[in-house]
Amino acid sequence: MLVAIVTLGSCTGGSPQAGPRSGRISIAYLQKQGDQQYFQDEAAGARARASELGVDLEVVDVGTDAGRTLDAARAAAARGVSGLIVTVPDPVLGPQLVEIAHKSRVELLASDDQMCADLPDPSVCAHQKLVPRVGFSGAAMGEAVGRRAAEEYLKAGWQPEQTRIVAAGRTDLSVCRERMDAAKLAFLQEAGQVRTLDIATDNTPEGARKVVASATAAEAGSPRHWVVWGCNDENVQGALAALRAAGVAEPNVIGVGLGAYLACKGWESGAPFAMRAALAIKGRDVGALAVQTMYERLRDSKPFPAEALAPTVMADPATWRTAGITCT
């Protein structure tokens, strides 16, 4: 697996360890939205790597509950875990999680979403205050999605006055804003200006379906064509379902997913599907990398990288199998 390491100065989150640890290492991995396929894959990758390394690993699904996240972090620290890996449901919890880790002398590593040690919004955080993170580059992912959407749009020969873009995702999350802003900029650079509907969702298929249905029904101008992207596969799938229910034919929709774990299910069926492509992000890679990174910190006192980035690949109905995407 190729991994990009960014070595900026960073905040470790927990107190520095006195030296390499001997004996059994224990890690708690707190995940948001454990019912989503990506995070299930991430947990599986973390467990597999922990087994290889001889690490005691507990994976806790905190859903989207802030209080549950903090309680789980305190409980893990009280049990004496050496490391805490957190996919935070809301970055506003960053300073509190850093405080818990510091007081308990537990190493803290962010998984997927960025956290800041002293501010609720990581996007305005000083670099040295960012909690070390394992995941993907949001800007690079968004750019890849926007460029592929532009490629499909230009190939279709659609006109901007007859087209609308749906950009759906949790706009209160900096990681979503980063992805979606990058997608919009890349599309603009490649294909020019097209009216974009920025739609706030809860990052679930059903949540996206409901709000996209309402927003697109209210859109003036009777657009014939739609381009869809979002913060994740769930948003794109929900938006496509909304347009389908409104009577928009599949050939008149270009969807570009982010994840590919839901997109591949549509491709696997062989039925007409408006998801033309999706950027594949493998949760197993991130889970394994997070556990490996924490293990090296605890066992060998190896400094955390500011960011350890897992690879991505653009896939479509013709290439997803050879891209190594496992559809479960």
Protein backbone atom coordinates (compact mmCIF):
# COMPACT_ATOMS: atom_id res chain seq x y z
CA MET A 1 0.00 0.00 0.00
CA LEU A 2 1.39 3.43 -0.92
CA VAL A 3 1.18 6.03 1.82
CA ALA A 4 1.95 9.72 1.65
CA ILE A 5 3.51 11.10 4.82
CA VAL A 6 3.33 14.84 5.56
CA THR A 7 5.81 15.81 8.25
CA LEU A 8 4.75 19.21 9.49
CA GLY A 9 5.13 20.15 13.14
CA SER A 10 2.05 18.92 14.98
CA CYS A 11 0.38 18.48 18.31
CA THR A 12 0.45 14.88 19.55
CA GLY A 13 -2.76 15.26 21.52
CA GLY A 14 -1.61 12.99 24.37
CA SER A 15 1.37 13.40 26.70
CA PRO A 16 4.72 12.23 25.30
CA GLN A 17 5.61 8.69 26.29
CA ALA A 18 8.74 8.15 28.39
CA GLY A 19 10.15 5.70 25.87
CA PRO A 20 9.38 2.55 23.91
CA ARG A 21 6.71 0.41 25.56
CA SER A 22 7.23 -3.25 26.28
CA GLY A 23 4.47 -5.77 26.86
CA ARG A 24 0.99 -5.79 25.40
CA ILE A 25 -0.29 -2.62 23.74
CA SER A 26 -3.96 -1.68 23.99
CA ILE A 27 -5.73 0.74 21.65
CA ALA A 28 -9.30 2.05 21.54
CA TYR A 29 -10.66 3.05 18.13
CA LEU A 30 -13.73 5.31 18.43
CA GLN A 31 -15.66 5.52 15.17
CA LYS A 32 -18.60 7.61 14.05
CA GLN A 33 -21.44 6.14 11.98
CA GLY A 34 -20.42 2.52 12.34
CA ASP A 35 -23.45 1.45 10.30
CA GLN A 36 -21.89 2.89 7.13
CA GLN A 37 -19.96 0.52 4.87
CA TYR A 38 -16.82 2.66 4.81
CA PHE A 39 -16.48 2.64 8.58
CA GLN A 40 -17.27 -1.07 8.77
CA ASP A 41 -14.41 -1.66 6.33
CA GLU A 42 -12.19 0.63 8.38
CA ALA A 43 -12.93 -1.35 11.55
CA ALA A 44 -12.16 -4.60 9.73
CA GLY A 45 -8.82 -3.23 8.52
CA ALA A 46 -7.95 -2.01 12.01
CA ARG A 47 -8.78 -5.38 13.58
CA ALA A 48 -6.77 -7.28 10.97
CA ARG A 49 -3.66 -5.12 11.50
CA ALA A 50 -4.05 -5.27 15.30
CA SER A 51 -4.15 -9.07 15.08
CA GLU A 52 -0.97 -9.09 12.98
CA LEU A 53 0.82 -6.82 15.47
CA GLY A 54 -0.43 -8.54 18.61
CA VAL A 55 -2.32 -5.43 19.76
CA ASP A 56 -5.40 -5.44 21.97
CA LEU A 57 -7.92 -3.37 20.02
CA GLU A 58 -11.42 -2.26 20.97
CA VAL A 59 -13.58 -0.63 18.28
CA VAL A 60 -16.45 1.51 19.60
CA ASP A 61 -19.24 2.87 17.40
CA VAL A 62 -20.23 6.26 18.80
CA GLY A 63 -22.69 7.01 16.00
CA THR A 64 -23.06 10.76 15.68
CA ASP A 65 -23.36 11.38 19.42
CA ALA A 66 -20.93 13.92 20.91
CA GLY A 67 -21.64 12.93 24.51
CA ARG A 68 -21.18 9.26 23.72
CA THR A 69 -17.85 10.03 22.08
CA LEU A 70 -16.49 11.85 25.12
CA ASP A 71 -17.82 9.16 27.48
CA ALA A 72 -16.18 6.43 25.39
CA ALA A 73 -12.87 8.32 25.41
CA ARG A 74 -12.97 8.75 29.19
CA ALA A 75 -13.92 5.11 29.69
CA ALA A 76 -11.08 3.91 27.47
CA ALA A 77 -8.59 6.11 29.31
CA ALA A 78 -9.88 4.84 32.66
CA ARG A 79 -9.34 1.25 31.49
CA GLY A 80 -5.72 2.11 30.87
CA VAL A 81 -5.46 2.01 27.08
CA SER A 82 -2.17 3.25 25.69
CA GLY A 83 -3.56 4.84 22.52
CA LEU A 84 -6.80 6.43 21.40
CA ILE A 85 -7.76 6.68 17.72
CA VAL A 86 -10.85 8.77 17.02
CA THR A 87 -13.01 9.35 13.96
CA VAL A 88 -14.76 12.32 15.49
CA PRO A 89 -18.48 12.82 14.69
CA ASP A 90 -18.04 16.57 15.12
CA PRO A 91 -14.67 18.38 15.08
CA VAL A 92 -15.90 20.72 17.82
CA LEU A 93 -14.99 17.89 20.21
CA GLY A 94 -11.29 18.18 19.36
CA PRO A 95 -10.17 20.31 22.32
CA GLN A 96 -12.07 18.12 24.81
CA LEU A 97 -10.60 14.91 23.38
CA VAL A 98 -7.11 16.40 23.50
CA GLU A 99 -7.66 17.34 27.14
CA ILE A 100 -8.87 13.83 28.02
CA ALA A 101 -5.84 12.29 26.32
CA HIS A 102 -3.41 14.72 27.93
CA LYS A 103 -4.74 14.24 31.46
CA SER A 104 -4.71 10.45 31.06
CA ARG A 105 -1.29 10.34 29.34
CA VAL A 106 -2.84 8.57 26.37
CA GLU A 107 -1.61 9.08 22.83
CA LEU A 108 -4.27 10.56 20.53
CA LEU A 109 -4.53 10.08 16.75
CA ALA A 110 -7.28 11.40 14.48
CA SER A 111 -8.73 9.05 11.89
CA ASP A 112 -10.35 10.46 8.74
CA ASP A 113 -11.56 13.80 10.10
CA GLN A 114 -9.24 16.53 11.33
CA MET A 115 -9.24 17.78 14.93
CA CYS A 116 -7.68 20.85 16.52
CA ALA A 117 -6.22 20.97 20.02
CA ASP A 118 -7.55 24.39 20.97
CA LEU A 119 -10.27 25.40 18.50
CA PRO A 120 -13.57 23.80 17.45
CA ASP A 121 -12.92 24.44 13.73
CA PRO A 122 -9.83 22.67 12.30
CA SER A 123 -9.93 24.80 9.16
CA VAL A 124 -8.70 27.82 11.15
CA CYS A 125 -6.33 25.85 13.38
CA ALA A 126 -2.60 26.60 13.58
CA HIS A 127 -0.61 23.74 12.02
CA GLN A 128 1.17 22.94 15.27
CA LYS A 129 -2.18 22.56 17.02
CA LEU A 130 -3.65 20.06 14.56
CA VAL A 131 -3.97 16.54 15.97
CA PRO A 132 -1.95 14.05 13.87
CA ARG A 133 -4.27 12.39 11.36
CA VAL A 134 -4.55 9.27 9.22
CA GLY A 135 -6.92 9.39 6.27
CA PHE A 136 -7.25 11.00 2.86
CA SER A 137 -6.57 14.44 1.41
CA GLY A 138 -9.96 16.12 1.18
CA ALA A 139 -8.76 18.67 -1.38
CA ALA A 140 -7.22 16.01 -3.61
CA MET A 141 -10.34 13.85 -3.40
CA GLY A 142 -12.64 16.73 -4.25
CA GLU A 143 -10.47 17.79 -7.15
CA ALA A 144 -10.54 14.27 -8.60
CA VAL A 145 -14.33 14.14 -8.32
CA GLY A 146 -14.81 17.56 -9.91
CA ARG A 147 -12.49 16.78 -12.81
CA ARG A 148 -14.24 13.49 -13.55
CA ALA A 149 -17.64 15.18 -13.37
CA ALA A 150 -16.41 17.82 -15.82
CA GLU A 151 -15.08 15.12 -18.15
CA GLU A 152 -18.44 13.34 -18.18
CA TYR A 153 -20.33 16.62 -18.62
CA LEU A 154 -18.22 17.69 -21.60
CA LYS A 155 -18.47 14.23 -23.13
CA ALA A 156 -22.27 14.42 -22.86
CA GLY A 157 -22.30 17.77 -24.68
CA TRP A 158 -24.74 19.36 -22.25
CA GLN A 159 -25.31 23.11 -22.15
CA PRO A 160 -24.94 25.07 -18.89
CA GLU A 161 -28.34 26.76 -19.14
CA GLN A 162 -30.01 23.34 -19.25
CA THR A 163 -27.90 21.83 -16.47
CA ARG A 164 -27.77 22.07 -12.69
CA ILE A 165 -25.17 20.72 -10.29
CA VAL A 166 -26.17 19.19 -6.97
CA ALA A 167 -23.40 19.32 -4.34
CA ALA A 168 -24.67 17.52 -1.25
CA GLY A 169 -23.03 16.98 2.13
CA ARG A 170 -22.67 18.05 5.73
CA THR A 171 -21.67 21.66 5.26
CA ASP A 172 -20.94 22.04 8.99
CA LEU A 173 -18.01 19.60 8.67
CA SER A 174 -14.75 21.09 7.45
CA VAL A 175 -13.79 17.83 5.70
CA CYS A 176 -16.98 17.94 3.64
CA ARG A 177 -16.58 21.60 2.78
CA GLU A 178 -13.00 20.95 1.69
CA ARG A 179 -14.01 18.12 -0.64
CA MET A 180 -17.01 19.91 -2.14
CA ASP A 181 -15.24 23.25 -2.60
CA ALA A 182 -12.37 21.48 -4.38
CA ALA A 183 -14.82 19.62 -6.62
CA LYS A 184 -16.56 22.86 -7.57
CA LEU A 185 -13.30 24.62 -8.38
CA ALA A 186 -11.99 21.71 -10.46
CA PHE A 187 -15.25 21.50 -12.42
CA LEU A 188 -15.21 25.26 -13.06
CA GLN A 189 -11.64 25.12 -14.33
CA GLU A 190 -12.37 22.21 -16.66
CA ALA A 191 -15.92 22.89 -17.87
CA GLY A 192 -16.88 26.45 -17.00
CA GLN A 193 -19.68 27.88 -14.90
CA VAL A 194 -22.83 25.85 -14.22
CA ARG A 195 -25.40 26.80 -11.59
CA THR A 196 -24.71 24.77 -8.44
CA LEU A 197 -27.15 23.91 -5.66
CA ASP A 198 -25.17 23.54 -2.42
CA ILE A 199 -27.39 21.31 -0.30
CA ALA A 200 -26.77 20.59 3.38
CA THR A 201 -27.45 16.98 4.39
CA ASP A 202 -26.72 14.60 7.26
CA ASN A 203 -24.40 12.49 5.05
CA THR A 204 -26.84 9.57 4.85
CA PRO A 205 -28.63 8.31 1.71
CA GLU A 206 -32.10 8.88 3.13
CA GLY A 207 -31.25 12.28 4.54
CA ALA A 208 -29.74 13.35 1.23
CA ARG A 209 -32.72 12.00 -0.71
CA LYS A 210 -35.20 14.09 1.27
CA VAL A 211 -33.42 17.43 1.12
CA VAL A 212 -32.31 17.02 -2.49
CA ALA A 213 -35.88 16.17 -3.51
CA SER A 214 -37.10 19.39 -1.92
CA ALA A 215 -34.32 21.58 -3.31
CA THR A 216 -34.48 20.27 -6.86
CA ALA A 217 -38.28 20.45 -6.99
CA ALA A 218 -38.06 24.14 -6.15
CA GLU A 219 -35.41 24.87 -8.79
CA ALA A 220 -36.62 27.21 -11.53
CA GLY A 221 -35.80 26.90 -15.20
CA SER A 222 -36.85 23.28 -15.75
CA PRO A 223 -33.29 21.94 -16.12
CA ARG A 224 -33.01 18.86 -18.31
CA HIS A 225 -29.69 17.61 -17.01
CA TRP A 226 -28.15 17.14 -13.58
CA VAL A 227 -24.60 16.63 -12.34
CA VAL A 228 -24.27 15.26 -8.80
CA TRP A 229 -21.38 15.01 -6.36
CA GLY A 230 -21.14 15.11 -2.60
CA CYS A 231 -19.12 14.49 0.53
CA ASN A 232 -19.50 10.72 0.21
CA ASP A 233 -21.22 7.94 -1.73
CA GLU A 234 -24.24 8.19 0.57
CA ASN A 235 -25.01 11.75 -0.51
CA VAL A 236 -24.69 10.96 -4.21
CA GLN A 237 -26.81 7.83 -3.90
CA GLY A 238 -29.51 9.76 -2.04
CA ALA A 239 -29.48 12.58 -4.59
CA LEU A 240 -29.72 10.14 -7.50
CA ALA A 241 -32.70 8.47 -5.81
CA ALA A 242 -34.41 11.85 -5.44
CA LEU A 243 -33.93 12.72 -9.10
CA ARG A 244 -35.05 9.25 -10.17
CA ALA A 245 -38.24 9.60 -8.11
CA ALA A 246 -38.85 12.99 -9.75
CA GLY A 247 -38.87 11.32 -13.15
CA VAL A 248 -35.40 12.31 -14.37
CA ALA A 249 -34.10 9.57 -16.67
CA GLU A 250 -30.74 7.97 -15.85
CA PRO A 251 -29.05 9.24 -19.08
CA ASN A 252 -29.83 12.80 -17.97
CA VAL A 253 -27.89 12.48 -14.71
CA ILE A 254 -24.15 12.33 -14.12
CA GLY A 255 -23.28 11.16 -10.63
CA VAL A 256 -19.70 10.95 -9.37
CA GLY A 257 -19.41 9.27 -6.00
CA LEU A 258 -16.81 9.52 -3.30
CA GLY A 259 -16.08 6.19 -1.71
CA ALA A 260 -17.19 3.69 -4.38
CA TYR A 261 -18.39 1.25 -1.70
CA LEU A 262 -22.02 2.03 -2.59
CA ALA A 263 -21.40 2.88 -6.24
CA CYS A 264 -20.02 -0.59 -6.93
CA LYS A 265 -23.27 -2.19 -5.81
CA GLY A 266 -25.11 -0.41 -8.60
CA TRP A 267 -22.42 -1.32 -11.10
CA GLU A 268 -22.43 -4.92 -9.96
CA SER A 269 -26.14 -5.28 -10.77
CA GLY A 270 -25.59 -4.30 -14.41
CA ALA A 271 -28.78 -2.20 -14.42
CA PRO A 272 -28.78 1.36 -15.79
CA PHE A 273 -27.20 3.55 -13.12
CA ALA A 274 -26.50 7.28 -13.16
CA MET A 275 -23.39 6.90 -11.01
CA ARG A 276 -20.92 7.27 -13.88
CA ALA A 277 -17.81 7.03 -11.68
CA ALA A 278 -16.65 7.17 -8.08
CA LEU A 279 -13.41 7.88 -6.31
CA ALA A 280 -12.52 4.69 -4.45
CA ILE A 281 -11.39 5.17 -0.86
CA LYS A 282 -10.66 1.99 1.03
CA GLY A 283 -11.62 2.08 4.67
CA ARG A 284 -9.55 -1.02 5.35
CA ASP A 285 -6.41 0.87 4.34
CA VAL A 286 -7.12 3.73 6.74
CA GLY A 287 -8.01 1.44 9.65
CA ALA A 288 -4.85 -0.60 9.17
CA LEU A 289 -2.68 2.50 8.75
CA ALA A 290 -4.12 4.11 11.88
CA VAL A 291 -3.35 1.07 14.02
CA GLN A 292 0.13 0.73 12.47
CA THR A 293 0.89 4.41 13.10
CA MET A 294 -0.27 4.23 16.72
CA TYR A 295 1.65 0.98 17.27
CA GLU A 296 4.90 2.51 16.01
CA ARG A 297 4.39 5.51 18.27
CA LEU A 298 3.79 3.34 21.35
CA ARG A 299 6.25 0.53 20.70
CA ASP A 300 9.15 2.49 19.21
CA SER A 301 8.44 6.11 20.29
CA LYS A 302 8.30 7.00 16.59
CA PRO A 303 6.89 10.54 16.18
CA PHE A 304 3.47 10.80 14.64
CA PRO A 305 3.47 12.25 11.12
CA ALA A 306 1.25 15.32 10.84
CA GLU A 307 -0.71 13.37 8.23
CA ALA A 308 -0.48 9.86 6.82
CA LEU A 309 -2.55 9.69 3.65
CA ALA A 310 -3.90 6.51 2.10
CA PRO A 311 -4.14 6.22 -1.72
CA THR A 312 -7.28 6.71 -3.84
CA VAL A 313 -8.25 5.65 -7.36
CA MET A 314 -11.05 6.73 -9.72
CA ALA A 315 -13.25 3.83 -10.75
CA ASP A 316 -16.26 3.30 -13.03
CA PRO A 317 -18.46 0.41 -14.23
CA ALA A 318 -15.68 -0.86 -16.50
CA THR A 319 -12.77 -0.62 -14.06
CA TRP A 320 -14.00 -1.09 -10.50
CA ARG A 321 -13.15 -4.77 -10.26
CA THR A 322 -9.60 -4.33 -11.57
CA ALA A 323 -9.22 -1.37 -9.19
CA GLY A 324 -9.48 -3.88 -6.35
CA ILE A 325 -12.78 -2.64 -4.95
CA THR A 326 -14.53 -5.23 -2.80
CA CYS A 327 -18.30 -4.88 -2.92
CA THR A 328 -19.85 -6.26 0.28
